[in-house]
Protein backbone atom coordinates (compact mmCIF):
# COMPACT_ATOMS: atom_id res chain seq x y z
CA MET A 1 0.00 0.01 0.01
CA LEU A 2 1.32 3.41 -1.00
CA LEU A 3 1.23 5.95 1.78
CA LEU A 4 1.14 9.62 0.84
CA ASP A 5 1.09 12.62 3.08
CA GLN A 6 -2.00 14.83 3.10
CA ALA A 7 -0.45 17.62 0.99
CA THR A 8 0.53 15.16 -1.74
CA ARG A 9 -2.93 13.57 -1.74
CA GLN A 10 -4.57 16.99 -1.99
CA ASN A 11 -2.26 17.98 -4.85
CA LEU A 12 -3.00 14.77 -6.75
CA TRP A 13 -6.72 15.17 -6.14
CA ARG A 14 -6.58 18.79 -7.40
CA GLN A 15 -4.76 17.69 -10.55
CA LEU A 16 -7.30 14.94 -11.17
CA VAL A 17 -10.21 17.34 -10.76
CA GLU A 18 -8.59 19.93 -13.07
CA GLY A 19 -7.97 17.23 -15.69
CA LEU A 20 -11.58 16.07 -15.50
CA GLU A 21 -12.83 19.65 -15.80
CA ALA A 22 -10.67 20.21 -18.91
CA TYR A 23 -11.92 16.92 -20.39
CA THR A 24 -15.52 17.88 -19.69
CA GLU A 25 -15.02 21.29 -21.31
CA GLY A 26 -13.51 19.58 -24.35
CA ILE A 27 -16.53 17.29 -24.66
CA ALA A 28 -18.87 20.28 -24.35
CA ALA A 29 -16.96 22.11 -27.10
CA HIS A 30 -17.16 18.99 -29.27
CA ARG A 31 -20.93 18.86 -28.85
CA VAL A 32 -21.45 22.58 -29.55
CA ILE A 33 -18.97 23.00 -32.40
CA GLY A 34 -19.38 19.63 -34.02
CA ARG A 35 -17.20 16.81 -35.12
CA ARG A 36 -14.12 17.71 -37.20
CA ARG A 37 -14.73 21.44 -36.74
CA ILE A 38 -12.86 22.10 -33.51
CA SER A 39 -9.54 22.90 -35.23
CA ARG A 40 -11.29 25.37 -37.55
CA PHE A 41 -13.03 26.93 -34.55
CA LEU A 42 -9.77 27.29 -32.63
CA GLU A 43 -8.03 28.70 -35.70
CA THR A 44 -10.69 31.39 -36.11
CA LEU A 45 -10.29 32.29 -32.45
CA ALA A 46 -6.49 32.48 -32.61
CA ARG A 47 -5.93 33.93 -36.09
CA PRO A 48 -6.73 37.58 -35.26
CA HIS A 49 -4.26 37.46 -32.40
CA VAL A 50 -1.48 35.86 -34.43
CA LEU A 51 -1.73 37.38 -37.92
CA LYS A 52 -1.93 41.00 -38.89
CA ASN A 53 -5.22 41.93 -40.47
CA ASP A 54 -3.61 43.86 -43.31
CA LEU A 55 -1.27 41.39 -45.00
CA GLU A 56 -0.15 43.92 -47.60
CA ALA A 57 0.93 46.37 -44.88
CA ALA A 58 2.82 43.56 -43.15
CA TYR A 59 4.73 42.79 -46.36
CA ARG A 60 5.56 46.48 -46.80
CA GLU A 61 6.83 46.60 -43.25
CA MET A 62 9.04 43.56 -43.80
CA ALA A 63 10.41 44.95 -47.08
CA ALA A 64 11.31 48.21 -45.35
CA ASP A 65 13.55 46.32 -42.93
CA GLU A 66 16.75 46.47 -44.98
CA ARG A 67 18.83 44.36 -42.59
CA ARG A 68 16.27 41.57 -42.69
CA GLU A 69 16.05 41.79 -46.48
CA ALA A 70 19.85 41.54 -46.74
CA GLU A 71 19.85 38.47 -44.49
CA ALA A 72 17.07 36.88 -46.57
CA LEU A 73 18.96 37.56 -49.79
CA GLU A 74 22.15 36.06 -48.36
CA TRP A 75 20.23 32.98 -47.17
CA SER A 76 18.52 32.46 -50.55
CA GLU A 77 21.79 32.92 -52.44
CA GLY A 78 23.33 30.27 -50.18
CA LEU A 79 20.63 27.84 -51.31
CA VAL A 80 21.72 28.25 -54.93
CA GLY A 81 25.23 27.18 -53.93
CA ASP A 82 23.82 24.06 -52.24
CA ILE A 83 22.01 23.06 -55.42
CA GLU A 84 25.12 23.39 -57.57
CA ASP A 85 26.77 20.50 -55.74
CA ALA A 86 23.71 18.24 -55.79
CA PRO A 87 23.93 15.05 -57.87
CA ARG A 88 21.69 15.01 -60.90
């Protein structure tokens, strides 16, 4: 028989309850959103926080960063050198 102190038992119980709550919330989301749609739902929730709304403005901002553009050019030119040595 495994003997655990009270603090350890309480911690394990709390973790179990939290896991069951998360599982229950997941099942509820599955019922509301529907099968095979959860990833799309999560993507629509996260996308505005991850991507800029104006993609064209984001590209302009990246192009204006001359140091980044120089690094990108150097990296892409390095790829050409890698291909030259590749067997055909």
